[in-house]
Amino acid sequence: MRVAGDALDWNEPLWRYFKTERFIGLMDSGRLYFSSAREFEDRFEGAVAVMSRGSPVDPRYADMDFGEAAFEQLRRLTKVSCWHRADYESDAMWKLYADLHKGVAIRSTPSEAT
C-alpha cells in the first residue's frame, strides 16, 4: 500500500487475477488458494538473503544441511497469494494470472476487507 505521510491509504485499489477454475474453487470452498513458492517458473522464487558464517540460525533449520535441500524445503513451505496494486486493470496481470483474459479479476481495497 502507498503511504501518504505516515498514514496508509486504506482505499487504494487492489486486484487479484484468477484462472476460472481457481475462482470457482474459491467460491465453492470459501478459501483463498496460496501457491507454494516452488510452483512458480522462477527457480529463485522464495529465495532468501545469504547469511555470513557465524550468523544465528533459525532453530527450525538448525539440523538441516544449508544446501539445495534446505532451499527446496523453504520454497515448499513459503506460500504466496499475488495481488496487484493499481487504479486500473493490468493487461500483464491478466496474461500472467488469468490465462490470457479467460479468467476473473477481483477489485477490492483494504478498507473493504476489514
N, C-alpha and C. Protein backbone atom coordinates (compact mmCIF):
# COMPACT_ATOMS: atom_id res chain seq x y z
N MET A 1 0.83 -1.18 0.00
CA MET A 1 0.00 0.00 0.00
C MET A 1 0.87 1.24 0.00
N ARG A 2 0.40 2.25 -0.66
CA ARG A 2 1.11 3.52 -0.64
C ARG A 2 0.90 4.20 0.69
N VAL A 3 1.92 4.88 1.13
CA VAL A 3 1.84 5.60 2.39
C VAL A 3 1.87 7.09 2.09
N ALA A 4 0.83 7.80 2.51
CA ALA A 4 0.77 9.25 2.35
C ALA A 4 1.14 9.85 3.70
N GLY A 5 2.34 10.40 3.79
CA GLY A 5 2.83 10.84 5.10
C GLY A 5 3.06 9.61 5.94
N ASP A 6 2.42 9.54 7.10
CA ASP A 6 2.51 8.37 7.97
C ASP A 6 1.27 7.50 7.91
N ALA A 7 0.29 7.89 7.11
CA ALA A 7 -0.98 7.15 7.07
C ALA A 7 -1.03 6.21 5.86
N LEU A 8 -1.61 5.04 6.05
CA LEU A 8 -1.83 4.10 4.95
C LEU A 8 -3.07 4.52 4.17
N ASP A 9 -3.05 4.28 2.88
CA ASP A 9 -4.22 4.57 2.06
C ASP A 9 -5.09 3.32 2.01
N TRP A 10 -6.09 3.25 2.88
CA TRP A 10 -6.95 2.08 3.01
C TRP A 10 -7.96 1.98 1.88
N ASN A 11 -8.03 2.99 1.02
CA ASN A 11 -8.96 2.96 -0.11
C ASN A 11 -8.26 2.73 -1.44
N GLU A 12 -6.98 2.42 -1.40
CA GLU A 12 -6.23 2.15 -2.63
C GLU A 12 -6.69 0.82 -3.24
N PRO A 13 -7.00 0.81 -4.54
CA PRO A 13 -7.47 -0.42 -5.18
C PRO A 13 -6.41 -1.52 -5.24
N LEU A 14 -6.84 -2.74 -4.95
CA LEU A 14 -6.02 -3.94 -5.08
C LEU A 14 -6.76 -4.90 -6.00
N TRP A 15 -6.00 -5.60 -6.83
CA TRP A 15 -6.58 -6.54 -7.79
C TRP A 15 -6.04 -7.93 -7.54
N ARG A 16 -6.90 -8.92 -7.72
CA ARG A 16 -6.48 -10.32 -7.67
C ARG A 16 -7.03 -10.96 -8.94
N TYR A 17 -6.13 -11.52 -9.75
CA TYR A 17 -6.50 -12.16 -11.02
C TYR A 17 -6.47 -13.67 -10.84
N PHE A 18 -7.48 -14.35 -11.35
CA PHE A 18 -7.61 -15.79 -11.20
C PHE A 18 -7.86 -16.47 -12.54
N LYS A 19 -7.37 -17.68 -12.66
CA LYS A 19 -7.88 -18.57 -13.70
C LYS A 19 -9.29 -18.97 -13.26
N THR A 20 -10.14 -19.25 -14.20
CA THR A 20 -11.55 -19.53 -13.89
C THR A 20 -11.70 -20.65 -12.87
N GLU A 21 -10.94 -21.74 -13.03
CA GLU A 21 -11.08 -22.87 -12.11
C GLU A 21 -10.66 -22.51 -10.69
N ARG A 22 -9.67 -21.62 -10.53
CA ARG A 22 -9.26 -21.18 -9.18
C ARG A 22 -10.36 -20.34 -8.54
N PHE A 23 -10.98 -19.48 -9.35
CA PHE A 23 -12.05 -18.64 -8.83
C PHE A 23 -13.25 -19.50 -8.41
N ILE A 24 -13.59 -20.49 -9.21
CA ILE A 24 -14.70 -21.39 -8.86
C ILE A 24 -14.36 -22.14 -7.57
N GLY A 25 -13.12 -22.56 -7.44
CA GLY A 25 -12.69 -23.22 -6.21
C GLY A 25 -12.84 -22.31 -5.00
N LEU A 26 -12.50 -21.04 -5.16
CA LEU A 26 -12.66 -20.06 -4.08
C LEU A 26 -14.13 -19.92 -3.69
N MET A 27 -15.00 -19.82 -4.68
CA MET A 27 -16.43 -19.67 -4.41
C MET A 27 -17.01 -20.92 -3.77
N ASP A 28 -16.57 -22.09 -4.22
CA ASP A 28 -17.07 -23.35 -3.66
C ASP A 28 -16.61 -23.57 -2.22
N SER A 29 -15.34 -23.29 -1.96
CA SER A 29 -14.75 -23.61 -0.65
C SER A 29 -14.76 -22.44 0.34
N GLY A 30 -14.82 -21.21 -0.19
CA GLY A 30 -14.70 -20.04 0.69
C GLY A 30 -13.27 -19.83 1.17
N ARG A 31 -12.31 -20.48 0.50
CA ARG A 31 -10.90 -20.39 0.90
C ARG A 31 -10.05 -19.89 -0.25
N LEU A 32 -9.16 -18.98 0.05
CA LEU A 32 -8.24 -18.44 -0.94
C LEU A 32 -7.04 -19.36 -1.07
N TYR A 33 -6.70 -19.75 -2.29
CA TYR A 33 -5.57 -20.65 -2.55
C TYR A 33 -4.25 -19.89 -2.44
N PHE A 34 -3.29 -20.45 -1.74
CA PHE A 34 -1.94 -19.90 -1.66
C PHE A 34 -1.01 -20.90 -2.34
N SER A 35 -0.31 -20.44 -3.37
CA SER A 35 0.63 -21.29 -4.10
C SER A 35 1.90 -21.49 -3.28
N SER A 36 2.52 -22.62 -3.48
CA SER A 36 3.86 -22.84 -2.94
C SER A 36 4.84 -22.06 -3.81
N ALA A 37 5.87 -21.50 -3.22
CA ALA A 37 6.85 -20.73 -3.98
C ALA A 37 7.50 -21.57 -5.08
N ARG A 38 7.54 -22.87 -4.92
CA ARG A 38 8.18 -23.70 -5.95
C ARG A 38 7.27 -23.99 -7.12
N GLU A 39 6.01 -23.51 -7.09
CA GLU A 39 5.11 -23.67 -8.23
C GLU A 39 5.36 -22.63 -9.32
N PHE A 40 6.17 -21.62 -9.04
CA PHE A 40 6.44 -20.57 -10.00
C PHE A 40 7.57 -20.98 -10.94
N GLU A 41 7.58 -20.42 -12.14
CA GLU A 41 8.62 -20.73 -13.11
C GLU A 41 10.00 -20.25 -12.66
N ASP A 42 10.04 -19.14 -11.94
CA ASP A 42 11.31 -18.58 -11.46
C ASP A 42 11.87 -19.48 -10.36
N ARG A 43 12.99 -20.13 -10.63
CA ARG A 43 13.53 -21.08 -9.64
C ARG A 43 14.08 -20.39 -8.40
N PHE A 44 14.20 -19.05 -8.43
CA PHE A 44 14.66 -18.32 -7.26
C PHE A 44 13.50 -17.72 -6.46
N GLU A 45 12.26 -17.99 -6.87
CA GLU A 45 11.10 -17.51 -6.11
C GLU A 45 11.16 -18.12 -4.72
N GLY A 46 11.04 -17.27 -3.71
CA GLY A 46 11.12 -17.73 -2.33
C GLY A 46 12.53 -17.72 -1.78
N ALA A 47 13.50 -17.26 -2.58
CA ALA A 47 14.89 -17.21 -2.12
C ALA A 47 15.04 -16.21 -0.98
N VAL A 48 15.98 -16.45 -0.15
CA VAL A 48 16.27 -15.56 0.97
C VAL A 48 17.70 -15.06 0.86
N ALA A 49 18.00 -14.03 1.61
CA ALA A 49 19.36 -13.48 1.59
C ALA A 49 20.35 -14.50 2.14
N VAL A 50 21.54 -14.51 1.59
CA VAL A 50 22.59 -15.39 2.06
C VAL A 50 23.21 -14.78 3.31
N MET A 51 23.32 -15.57 4.35
CA MET A 51 23.87 -15.08 5.61
C MET A 51 25.35 -15.41 5.69
N SER A 52 26.07 -14.55 6.35
CA SER A 52 27.51 -14.80 6.52
C SER A 52 27.72 -15.87 7.58
N ARG A 53 28.91 -16.48 7.54
CA ARG A 53 29.24 -17.51 8.53
C ARG A 53 29.16 -16.91 9.94
N GLY A 54 28.64 -17.69 10.86
CA GLY A 54 28.54 -17.23 12.24
C GLY A 54 27.23 -16.51 12.56
N SER A 55 26.42 -16.25 11.54
CA SER A 55 25.12 -15.62 11.79
C SER A 55 24.22 -16.62 12.52
N PRO A 56 23.33 -16.12 13.39
CA PRO A 56 22.44 -17.06 14.09
C PRO A 56 21.52 -17.78 13.12
N VAL A 57 21.24 -19.04 13.40
CA VAL A 57 20.42 -19.88 12.54
C VAL A 57 19.05 -20.06 13.20
N ASP A 58 18.00 -19.93 12.42
CA ASP A 58 16.64 -20.19 12.91
C ASP A 58 16.62 -21.62 13.43
N PRO A 59 16.16 -21.85 14.66
CA PRO A 59 16.20 -23.20 15.24
C PRO A 59 15.45 -24.26 14.43
N ARG A 60 14.45 -23.85 13.64
CA ARG A 60 13.71 -24.81 12.82
C ARG A 60 14.60 -25.44 11.75
N TYR A 61 15.69 -24.74 11.39
CA TYR A 61 16.56 -25.23 10.33
C TYR A 61 17.94 -25.62 10.85
N ALA A 62 18.11 -25.69 12.14
CA ALA A 62 19.43 -25.94 12.74
C ALA A 62 20.01 -27.29 12.33
N ASP A 63 19.18 -28.31 12.16
CA ASP A 63 19.67 -29.64 11.83
C ASP A 63 19.76 -29.90 10.33
N MET A 64 19.38 -28.93 9.51
CA MET A 64 19.37 -29.13 8.07
C MET A 64 20.70 -28.71 7.44
N ASP A 65 21.05 -29.41 6.39
CA ASP A 65 22.19 -29.01 5.58
C ASP A 65 21.75 -27.77 4.81
N PHE A 66 22.53 -26.69 4.87
CA PHE A 66 22.12 -25.44 4.24
C PHE A 66 22.49 -25.41 2.76
N GLY A 67 22.22 -26.47 2.08
CA GLY A 67 22.42 -26.55 0.64
C GLY A 67 21.08 -26.51 -0.07
N GLU A 68 21.02 -27.19 -1.18
CA GLU A 68 19.82 -27.21 -2.01
C GLU A 68 18.61 -27.77 -1.26
N ALA A 69 18.82 -28.78 -0.44
CA ALA A 69 17.69 -29.39 0.26
C ALA A 69 16.98 -28.39 1.17
N ALA A 70 17.75 -27.59 1.88
CA ALA A 70 17.15 -26.58 2.76
C ALA A 70 16.40 -25.53 1.95
N PHE A 71 16.99 -25.10 0.84
CA PHE A 71 16.34 -24.10 0.00
C PHE A 71 15.04 -24.65 -0.58
N GLU A 72 15.03 -25.90 -1.03
CA GLU A 72 13.82 -26.50 -1.56
C GLU A 72 12.75 -26.66 -0.48
N GLN A 73 13.17 -26.99 0.72
CA GLN A 73 12.22 -27.10 1.84
C GLN A 73 11.60 -25.74 2.14
N LEU A 74 12.38 -24.69 2.12
CA LEU A 74 11.88 -23.34 2.35
C LEU A 74 10.92 -22.93 1.24
N ARG A 75 11.25 -23.23 -0.01
CA ARG A 75 10.35 -22.91 -1.13
C ARG A 75 9.03 -23.68 -1.02
N ARG A 76 9.09 -24.91 -0.53
CA ARG A 76 7.88 -25.70 -0.36
C ARG A 76 6.99 -25.10 0.72
N LEU A 77 7.60 -24.59 1.77
CA LEU A 77 6.84 -24.05 2.90
C LEU A 77 6.40 -22.60 2.72
N THR A 78 6.99 -21.88 1.78
CA THR A 78 6.61 -20.49 1.53
C THR A 78 5.36 -20.47 0.66
N LYS A 79 4.30 -19.83 1.15
CA LYS A 79 3.03 -19.76 0.43
C LYS A 79 2.79 -18.32 -0.03
N VAL A 80 2.21 -18.18 -1.23
CA VAL A 80 2.10 -16.89 -1.89
C VAL A 80 0.69 -16.66 -2.42
N SER A 81 0.18 -15.45 -2.23
CA SER A 81 -1.07 -15.00 -2.86
C SER A 81 -0.75 -13.66 -3.49
N CYS A 82 -0.77 -13.59 -4.80
CA CYS A 82 -0.32 -12.39 -5.53
C CYS A 82 -1.47 -11.43 -5.77
N TRP A 83 -1.30 -10.20 -5.33
CA TRP A 83 -2.25 -9.11 -5.55
C TRP A 83 -1.52 -7.99 -6.27
N HIS A 84 -2.26 -7.21 -7.03
CA HIS A 84 -1.67 -6.12 -7.82
C HIS A 84 -2.29 -4.80 -7.36
N ARG A 85 -1.44 -3.83 -7.09
CA ARG A 85 -1.90 -2.52 -6.61
C ARG A 85 -1.94 -1.55 -7.78
N ALA A 86 -3.15 -1.09 -8.15
CA ALA A 86 -3.28 -0.14 -9.26
C ALA A 86 -4.70 0.42 -9.28
N ASP A 87 -4.84 1.56 -9.92
CA ASP A 87 -6.16 2.17 -10.08
C ASP A 87 -6.94 1.56 -11.24
N TYR A 88 -6.29 0.73 -12.03
CA TYR A 88 -6.90 0.20 -13.25
C TYR A 88 -6.46 -1.25 -13.45
N GLU A 89 -7.16 -1.95 -14.31
CA GLU A 89 -6.80 -3.32 -14.64
C GLU A 89 -5.45 -3.36 -15.35
N SER A 90 -4.78 -4.49 -15.29
CA SER A 90 -3.47 -4.64 -15.90
C SER A 90 -3.49 -5.78 -16.92
N ASP A 91 -3.14 -5.46 -18.16
CA ASP A 91 -3.04 -6.48 -19.21
C ASP A 91 -2.00 -7.53 -18.84
N ALA A 92 -0.90 -7.08 -18.26
CA ALA A 92 0.17 -8.02 -17.87
C ALA A 92 -0.33 -9.01 -16.81
N MET A 93 -1.10 -8.53 -15.85
CA MET A 93 -1.62 -9.43 -14.80
C MET A 93 -2.65 -10.40 -15.37
N TRP A 94 -3.47 -9.92 -16.33
CA TRP A 94 -4.40 -10.84 -16.99
C TRP A 94 -3.62 -11.96 -17.65
N LYS A 95 -2.53 -11.63 -18.34
CA LYS A 95 -1.74 -12.64 -19.06
C LYS A 95 -1.06 -13.62 -18.09
N LEU A 96 -0.53 -13.10 -16.99
CA LEU A 96 0.20 -13.95 -16.05
C LEU A 96 -0.69 -14.84 -15.20
N TYR A 97 -1.80 -14.29 -14.72
CA TYR A 97 -2.57 -15.00 -13.70
C TYR A 97 -3.96 -15.44 -14.13
N ALA A 98 -4.49 -14.90 -15.22
CA ALA A 98 -5.88 -15.20 -15.58
C ALA A 98 -5.99 -15.91 -16.92
N ASP A 99 -4.95 -16.56 -17.35
CA ASP A 99 -4.99 -17.38 -18.56
C ASP A 99 -5.44 -16.58 -19.78
N LEU A 100 -4.74 -15.49 -20.05
CA LEU A 100 -4.99 -14.66 -21.24
C LEU A 100 -6.45 -14.21 -21.37
N HIS A 101 -6.94 -13.56 -20.36
CA HIS A 101 -8.30 -12.96 -20.35
C HIS A 101 -9.42 -13.99 -20.26
N LYS A 102 -9.11 -15.21 -19.87
CA LYS A 102 -10.14 -16.23 -19.73
C LYS A 102 -10.40 -16.51 -18.25
N GLY A 103 -10.22 -15.49 -17.43
CA GLY A 103 -10.36 -15.68 -16.00
C GLY A 103 -11.23 -14.61 -15.38
N VAL A 104 -10.95 -14.34 -14.12
CA VAL A 104 -11.73 -13.40 -13.33
C VAL A 104 -10.78 -12.48 -12.60
N ALA A 105 -11.17 -11.20 -12.48
CA ALA A 105 -10.40 -10.25 -11.68
C ALA A 105 -11.31 -9.71 -10.59
N ILE A 106 -10.78 -9.65 -9.38
CA ILE A 106 -11.49 -9.06 -8.26
C ILE A 106 -10.79 -7.76 -7.91
N ARG A 107 -11.57 -6.70 -7.74
CA ARG A 107 -11.04 -5.40 -7.31
C ARG A 107 -11.57 -5.13 -5.91
N SER A 108 -10.67 -4.81 -5.00
CA SER A 108 -11.06 -4.56 -3.62
C SER A 108 -10.16 -3.47 -3.06
N THR A 109 -10.38 -3.11 -1.84
CA THR A 109 -9.48 -2.20 -1.11
C THR A 109 -9.27 -2.78 0.28
N PRO A 110 -8.19 -2.41 0.95
CA PRO A 110 -8.01 -2.88 2.33
C PRO A 110 -9.17 -2.49 3.24
N SER A 111 -9.77 -1.32 3.00
CA SER A 111 -10.89 -0.90 3.86
C SER A 111 -12.09 -1.80 3.69
N GLU A 112 -12.28 -2.42 2.52
CA GLU A 112 -13.40 -3.33 2.29
C GLU A 112 -13.16 -4.67 2.95
N ALA A 113 -11.91 -4.98 3.26
CA ALA A 113 -11.57 -6.27 3.84
C ALA A 113 -11.72 -6.28 5.37
N THR A 114 -11.83 -5.12 5.95
CA THR A 114 -11.91 -5.08 7.41
C THR A 114 -13.32 -5.07 7.91
